[in-house]
Each structure stands twice: as structure tokens, then as C-alpha cells.
Amino acid sequence: MKELVEYIAKSIVDAPDQVIVTETTEEGVVTIKLEVAPEDKGRVIGKQGRVAQAMRTLIRVMAVRKGTRAQLEIV
């Protein structure tokens, strides 16, 4: 899941070298934290949060296939 978020984020930002994705697991819930350059936050979130929502949906689908729960945080 971490690789998917990293690939999507690097594809849409202007500074792909500043994309940092970390993955932690606590109590069966996978938390993926995405950090981007301040000027790229708008691109990652998208108009009315549509890009962020789409990434969250993809992560949830992958998590269900693996039998876990997952969430995405944009820092």
C-alpha cells in the first residue's frame, strides 16, 4: 500500500523528491502518512478533496483484500 501512495503522489506533485511516505501498524490498523512539499499539498488534496478521497478509497480496497483496515493521513 505504501508503494501505491508513493507512486501516485510522485506522479502528481512538482517536487517528487520531497515525497515521504511512512507506514505504521497499530492494533490491526495500517496508517499511511504522506508528507509533501507545502506548495504541493493542494495538488495532493485536489479540488474539494477528490484526489485525497480517491487515494483513500484505493487504500481501503487494498486493505480489504489483505483482511486489514487502513487509513491515509496527509501531513
Protein backbone atom coordinates (compact mmCIF):
# COMPACT_ATOMS: atom_id res chain seq x y z
CA MET A 1 0.00 0.00 0.00
CA LYS A 2 2.86 2.34 0.79
CA GLU A 3 4.26 1.90 -2.71
CA LEU A 4 0.92 2.78 -4.32
CA VAL A 5 0.58 6.02 -2.35
CA GLU A 6 4.18 6.95 -3.11
CA TYR A 7 3.71 6.29 -6.85
CA ILE A 8 0.51 8.34 -7.05
CA ALA A 9 1.93 11.25 -5.03
CA LYS A 10 5.17 11.42 -7.02
CA SER A 11 3.18 11.41 -10.24
CA ILE A 12 1.10 14.49 -9.39
CA VAL A 13 3.48 16.78 -7.46
CA ASP A 14 6.08 19.24 -8.76
CA ALA A 15 8.75 18.13 -6.25
CA PRO A 16 8.70 14.30 -6.25
CA ASP A 17 11.97 14.14 -4.30
CA GLN A 18 10.20 15.68 -1.27
CA VAL A 19 7.51 13.00 -1.07
CA ILE A 20 7.84 10.96 2.14
CA VAL A 21 5.54 8.03 2.85
CA THR A 22 5.64 6.14 6.16
CA GLU A 23 3.59 3.12 7.15
CA THR A 24 2.82 2.03 10.70
CA THR A 25 0.60 -0.73 12.06
CA GLU A 26 -1.21 -0.46 15.40
CA GLU A 27 -3.94 -2.82 16.62
CA GLY A 28 -4.57 -4.22 13.16
CA VAL A 29 -4.94 -0.81 11.51
CA VAL A 30 -2.37 0.28 8.95
CA THR A 31 -1.74 4.04 8.99
CA ILE A 32 -0.04 5.55 5.98
CA LYS A 33 1.30 9.08 6.42
CA LEU A 34 2.02 11.15 3.32
CA GLU A 35 4.24 14.21 3.52
CA VAL A 36 4.78 16.52 0.54
CA ALA A 37 6.24 19.97 -0.03
CA PRO A 38 3.96 22.77 1.23
CA GLU A 39 3.35 24.08 -2.30
CA ASP A 40 2.21 20.60 -3.44
CA LYS A 41 -0.39 19.98 -0.73
CA GLY A 42 -3.13 21.44 -2.90
CA ARG A 43 -2.29 19.03 -5.72
CA VAL A 44 -2.38 16.02 -3.41
CA ILE A 45 -5.66 17.04 -1.80
CA GLY A 46 -7.30 18.15 -5.04
CA LYS A 47 -10.43 20.21 -5.61
CA GLN A 48 -12.81 19.59 -2.73
CA GLY A 49 -10.57 16.73 -1.57
CA ARG A 50 -11.29 14.49 -4.55
CA VAL A 51 -7.72 13.30 -5.14
CA ALA A 52 -7.20 12.52 -1.46
CA GLN A 53 -10.55 10.72 -1.30
CA ALA A 54 -9.66 8.64 -4.36
CA MET A 55 -6.33 7.61 -2.79
CA ARG A 56 -8.12 6.69 0.45
CA THR A 57 -10.60 4.56 -1.49
CA LEU A 58 -7.80 2.68 -3.25
CA ILE A 59 -6.04 2.06 0.06
CA ARG A 60 -9.24 0.75 1.66
CA VAL A 61 -9.78 -1.66 -1.25
CA MET A 62 -6.22 -2.99 -0.93
CA ALA A 63 -6.65 -3.35 2.84
CA VAL A 64 -9.90 -5.31 2.49
CA ARG A 65 -8.18 -7.69 0.09
CA LYS A 66 -5.47 -8.27 2.70
CA GLY A 67 -8.01 -8.59 5.50
CA THR A 68 -6.93 -5.48 7.41
CA ARG A 69 -8.01 -1.88 7.86
CA ALA A 70 -6.09 1.10 6.55
CA GLN A 71 -6.19 4.87 6.68
CA LEU A 72 -4.32 7.68 4.91
CA GLU A 73 -3.14 10.82 6.64
CA ILE A 74 -1.81 13.76 4.66
CA VAL A 75 0.62 15.61 6.93
